[in-house]
C-alpha atoms as a PDB file:
ATOM      1  CA  MET A   1     -11.513  38.169   6.217  1.00  0.00           C
ATOM      2  CA  LEU A   2      -9.913  35.411   8.313  1.00  0.00           C
ATOM      3  CA  ASP A   3     -13.232  33.529   8.392  1.00  0.00           C
ATOM      4  CA  GLU A   4     -13.421  33.542   4.584  1.00  0.00           C
ATOM      5  CA  TRP A   5      -9.847  32.278   4.339  1.00  0.00           C
ATOM      6  CA  LEU A   6     -10.571  29.448   6.791  1.00  0.00           C
ATOM      7  CA  ILE A   7     -13.715  28.432   4.914  1.00  0.00           C
ATOM      8  CA  ARG A   8     -11.829  28.350   1.600  1.00  0.00           C
ATOM      9  CA  LEU A   9      -9.011  26.344   3.150  1.00  0.00           C
ATOM     10  CA  THR A  10     -11.567  23.941   4.600  1.00  0.00           C
ATOM     11  CA  GLU A  11     -13.127  23.506   1.140  1.00  0.00           C
ATOM     12  CA  VAL A  12      -9.734  22.324  -0.139  1.00  0.00           C
ATOM     13  CA  VAL A  13      -8.511  20.300   2.844  1.00  0.00           C
ATOM     14  CA  VAL A  14     -11.671  18.308   3.651  1.00  0.00           C
ATOM     15  CA  PRO A  15     -11.911  16.577   0.239  1.00  0.00           C
ATOM     16  CA  LEU A  16      -8.183  15.763   0.407  1.00  0.00           C
ATOM     17  CA  ILE A  17      -8.555  14.131   3.819  1.00  0.00           C
ATOM     18  CA  ASN A  18     -11.630  12.225   2.587  1.00  0.00           C
ATOM     19  CA  LEU A  19      -9.564  11.052  -0.403  1.00  0.00           C
ATOM     20  CA  ILE A  20      -6.892   9.781   2.003  1.00  0.00           C
ATOM     21  CA  ALA A  21      -9.603   7.949   3.971  1.00  0.00           C
ATOM     22  CA  LEU A  22     -10.886   6.386   0.763  1.00  0.00           C
ATOM     23  CA  ALA A  23      -7.375   5.306  -0.266  1.00  0.00           C
ATOM     24  CA  VAL A  24      -6.749   3.728   3.144  1.00  0.00           C
ATOM     25  CA  ILE A  25     -10.025   1.791   3.044  1.00  0.00           C
ATOM     26  CA  VAL A  26      -9.487   0.648  -0.558  1.00  0.00           C
ATOM     27  CA  ALA A  27      -5.917  -0.484   0.204  1.00  0.00           C
ATOM     28  CA  GLY A  28      -7.085  -2.404   3.258  1.00  0.00           C
ATOM     29  CA  THR A  29      -9.960  -3.965   1.323  1.00  0.00           C
ATOM     30  CA  LEU A  30      -7.674  -5.117  -1.481  1.00  0.00           C
ATOM     31  CA  GLU A  31      -5.226  -6.579   1.007  1.00  0.00           C
ATOM     32  CA  ALA A  32      -8.033  -8.403   2.855  1.00  0.00           C
ATOM     33  CA  VAL A  33      -9.531  -9.812  -0.353  1.00  0.00           C
ATOM     34  CA  ILE A  34      -6.156 -11.040  -1.594  1.00  0.00           C
ATOM     35  CA  GLY A  35      -5.354 -12.562   1.802  1.00  0.00           C
ATOM     36  CA  ALA A  36      -8.748 -14.249   2.062  1.00  0.00           C
ATOM     37  CA  LEU A  37      -8.500 -15.660  -1.453  1.00  0.00           C
ATOM     38  CA  ALA A  38      -4.994 -16.969  -0.758  1.00  0.00           C
ATOM     39  CA  THR A  39      -6.257 -18.615   2.427  1.00  0.00           C
ATOM     40  CA  ILE A  40      -9.126 -20.248   0.534  1.00  0.00           C
ATOM     41  CA  VAL A  41      -6.950 -21.412  -2.372  1.00  0.00           C
ATOM     42  CA  TRP A  42      -4.277 -22.940  -0.133  1.00  0.00           C
ATOM     43  CA  ARG A  43      -6.883 -24.190   2.365  1.00  0.00           C
ATOM     44  CA  ARG A  44      -5.026 -22.880   5.354  1.00  0.00           C
ATOM     45  CA  ARG A  45      -6.630 -23.676   8.687  1.00  0.00           C
ATOM     46  CA  ASP A  46      -4.184 -21.970  10.996  1.00  0.00           C
ATOM     47  CA  GLY A  47      -6.480 -19.133  12.007  1.00  0.00           C
ATOM     48  CA  SER A  48      -5.093 -16.876   9.323  1.00  0.00           C
ATOM     49  CA  ILE A  49      -8.551 -15.759   8.172  1.00  0.00           C
ATOM     50  CA  ARG A  50      -9.163 -14.268  11.634  1.00  0.00           C
ATOM     51  CA  ALA A  51      -5.805 -12.494  11.466  1.00  0.00           C
ATOM     52  CA  ILE A  52      -6.742 -11.132   8.029  1.00  0.00           C
ATOM     53  CA  TRP A  53     -10.010  -9.714   9.351  1.00  0.00           C
ATOM     54  CA  MET A  54      -8.291  -8.265  12.406  1.00  0.00           C
ATOM     55  CA  HIS A  55      -5.755  -6.535  10.184  1.00  0.00           C
ATOM     56  CA  TYR A  56      -8.561  -5.331   7.905  1.00  0.00           C
ATOM     57  CA  SER A  57     -10.423  -3.843  10.847  1.00  0.00           C
ATOM     58  CA  ARG A  58      -7.319  -1.784  11.639  1.00  0.00           C
ATOM     59  CA  TRP A  59      -7.463  -0.358   8.099  1.00  0.00           C
ATOM     60  CA  LEU A  60     -11.142   0.467   8.592  1.00  0.00           C
ATOM     61  CA  VAL A  61     -10.505   2.211  11.902  1.00  0.00           C
ATOM     62  CA  ALA A  62      -7.726   4.227  10.248  1.00  0.00           C
ATOM     63  CA  GLY A  63     -10.088   5.221   7.425  1.00  0.00           C
ATOM     64  CA  LEU A  64     -12.793   6.200   9.901  1.00  0.00           C
ATOM     65  CA  THR A  65     -10.260   8.267  11.822  1.00  0.00           C
ATOM     66  CA  PHE A  66      -9.408  10.249   8.688  1.00  0.00           C
ATOM     67  CA  GLN A  67     -13.104  10.732   7.941  1.00  0.00           C
ATOM     68  CA  LEU A  68     -13.666  11.904  11.496  1.00  0.00           C
ATOM     69  CA  ALA A  69     -10.839  14.423  11.117  1.00  0.00           C
ATOM     70  CA  ALA A  70     -12.387  15.744   7.897  1.00  0.00           C
ATOM     71  CA  ASP A  71     -15.782  16.018   9.564  1.00  0.00           C
ATOM     72  CA  ILE A  72     -14.326  17.869  12.556  1.00  0.00           C
ATOM     73  CA  ILE A  73     -12.657  20.391  10.245  1.00  0.00           C
ATOM     74  CA  GLU A  74     -15.801  20.789   8.143  1.00  0.00           C
ATOM     75  CA  THR A  75     -18.048  21.153  11.184  1.00  0.00           C
ATOM     76  CA  SER A  76     -15.792  23.746  12.787  1.00  0.00           C
ATOM     77  CA  ALA A  77     -15.960  25.922   9.654  1.00  0.00           C
ATOM     78  CA  ALA A  78     -19.755  26.061   9.301  1.00  0.00           C
ATOM     79  CA  PRO A  79     -21.543  23.917  11.856  1.00  0.00           C
ATOM     80  CA  SER A  80     -25.125  22.898  11.236  1.00  0.00           C
ATOM     81  CA  TRP A  81     -27.153  20.480  13.306  1.00  0.00           C
ATOM     82  CA  ASP A  82     -26.899  17.895  10.526  1.00  0.00           C
ATOM     83  CA  ASP A  83     -23.100  18.243  10.509  1.00  0.00           C
ATOM     84  CA  ILE A  84     -22.916  17.919  14.283  1.00  0.00           C
ATOM     85  CA  GLY A  85     -25.165  14.840  14.201  1.00  0.00           C
ATOM     86  CA  GLN A  86     -23.039  13.223  11.485  1.00  0.00           C
ATOM     87  CA  LEU A  87     -19.884  13.985  13.458  1.00  0.00           C
ATOM     88  CA  ALA A  88     -21.379  12.442  16.605  1.00  0.00           C
ATOM     89  CA  ALA A  89     -22.429   9.306  14.686  1.00  0.00           C
ATOM     90  CA  ILE A  90     -18.977   8.829  13.145  1.00  0.00           C
ATOM     91  CA  ALA A  91     -17.279   9.398  16.503  1.00  0.00           C
ATOM     92  CA  ALA A  92     -19.583   6.847  18.163  1.00  0.00           C
ATOM     93  CA  ILE A  93     -18.992   4.251  15.425  1.00  0.00           C
ATOM     94  CA  ARG A  94     -15.229   4.748  15.573  1.00  0.00           C
ATOM     95  CA  THR A  95     -15.201   4.452  19.356  1.00  0.00           C
ATOM     96  CA  PHE A  96     -17.350   1.307  19.203  1.00  0.00           C
ATOM     97  CA  LEU A  97     -15.104  -0.301  16.548  1.00  0.00           C
ATOM     98  CA  ASN A  98     -11.923   0.669  18.347  1.00  0.00           C
ATOM     99  CA  PHE A  99     -13.130  -0.789  21.662  1.00  0.00           C
ATOM    100  CA  PHE A 100     -13.942  -4.185  20.154  1.00  0.00           C
ATOM    101  CA  LEU A 101     -10.841  -4.176  17.957  1.00  0.00           C
ATOM    102  CA  GLU A 102      -8.593  -3.598  20.955  1.00  0.00           C
ATOM    103  CA  ARG A 103     -10.373  -6.349  22.876  1.00  0.00           C
ATOM    104  CA  ASP A 104      -9.978  -8.801  19.981  1.00  0.00           C
ATOM    105  CA  ILE A 105      -6.309  -7.900  19.549  1.00  0.00           C
ATOM    106  CA  SER A 106      -5.691  -8.528  23.255  1.00  0.00           C
ATOM    107  CA  GLU A 107      -7.428 -11.903  23.042  1.00  0.00           C
ATOM    108  CA  MET A 108      -5.398 -12.892  19.971  1.00  0.00           C
ATOM    109  CA  ASP A 109      -2.141 -11.832  21.627  1.00  0.00           C
ATOM    110  CA  GLU A 110      -3.013 -13.845  24.731  1.00  0.00           C
ATOM    111  CA  LYS A 111      -3.818 -16.936  22.627  1.00  0.00           C
ATOM    112  CA  ARG A 112      -0.522 -16.584  20.741  1.00  0.00           C
ATOM    113  CA  ARG A 113       1.406 -16.322  23.988  1.00  0.00           C
ATOM    114  CA  GLU A 114      -0.313 -19.429  25.326  1.00  0.00           C
ATOM    115  CA  GLU A 115       0.444 -21.341  22.123  1.00  0.00           C
ATOM    116  CA  THR A 116       4.136 -20.455  22.247  1.00  0.00           C
ATOM    117  CA  THR A 117       4.762 -20.688  25.994  1.00  0.00           C
ATOM    118  CA  GLY A 118       1.856 -22.756  27.257  1.00  0.00           C
ATOM    119  CA  PRO A 119      -0.849 -21.562  29.642  1.00  0.00           C
ATOM    120  CA  GLU A 120       0.277 -19.384  32.489  1.00  0.00           C
ATOM    121  CA  ILE A 121       0.281 -21.322  35.742  1.00  0.00           C
ATOM    122  CA  THR A 122      -0.363 -19.398  38.884  1.00  0.00           C
ATOM    123  CA  GLU A 123       0.341 -20.808  42.276  1.00  0.00           C
ATOM    124  CA  PRO A 124      -2.395 -20.551  44.863  1.00  0.00           C
ATOM    125  CA  ARG A 125      -1.787 -17.968  47.505  1.00  0.00           C
ATOM    126  CA  SER A 126      -1.213 -19.227  50.988  1.00  0.00           C
ATOM    127  CA  ARG A 127      -3.432 -17.692  53.618  1.00  0.00           C
ATOM    128  CA  PRO A 128      -1.771 -16.132  56.634  1.00  0.00           C
END
C-alpha cells in the first residue's frame, strides 16, 4: 500500500520538478539572449559577453540539478537499468559542468581583483 502511494506521488512530483527545470533553463536562456543582443547592439568590449555566458552556465547547472533531482526520485520509485544509466549520465554531466564553471568563476574573480587592486606582489622568501 505504501509502495503504491509512493509511486503515485512520484508520478505527480517528477513532472513538476522537470517543469521547474524547464522554467529555469528557459529563463536563463532568455536572459542570455537579451544580454548578448544588448552587448552586440551597443558594441561593448568590456568582457561582458564572457560574464553573460558565465551567468548563463549557472542557470544551466541549476536546471540540470533539478532534472537530476527528478531522475533520482523517479529511479528510486521503479529503477530499471535504463533509468540508472540516465541518472549516471546526468550526474556525470552536471559534475563536469560544475567543475569547469567553478574554475572559470575563480579565474574571473581573480582577474577582477587584479584589475581593481593590481597584481599581487609577493616578496621572495629569505633562506635561513
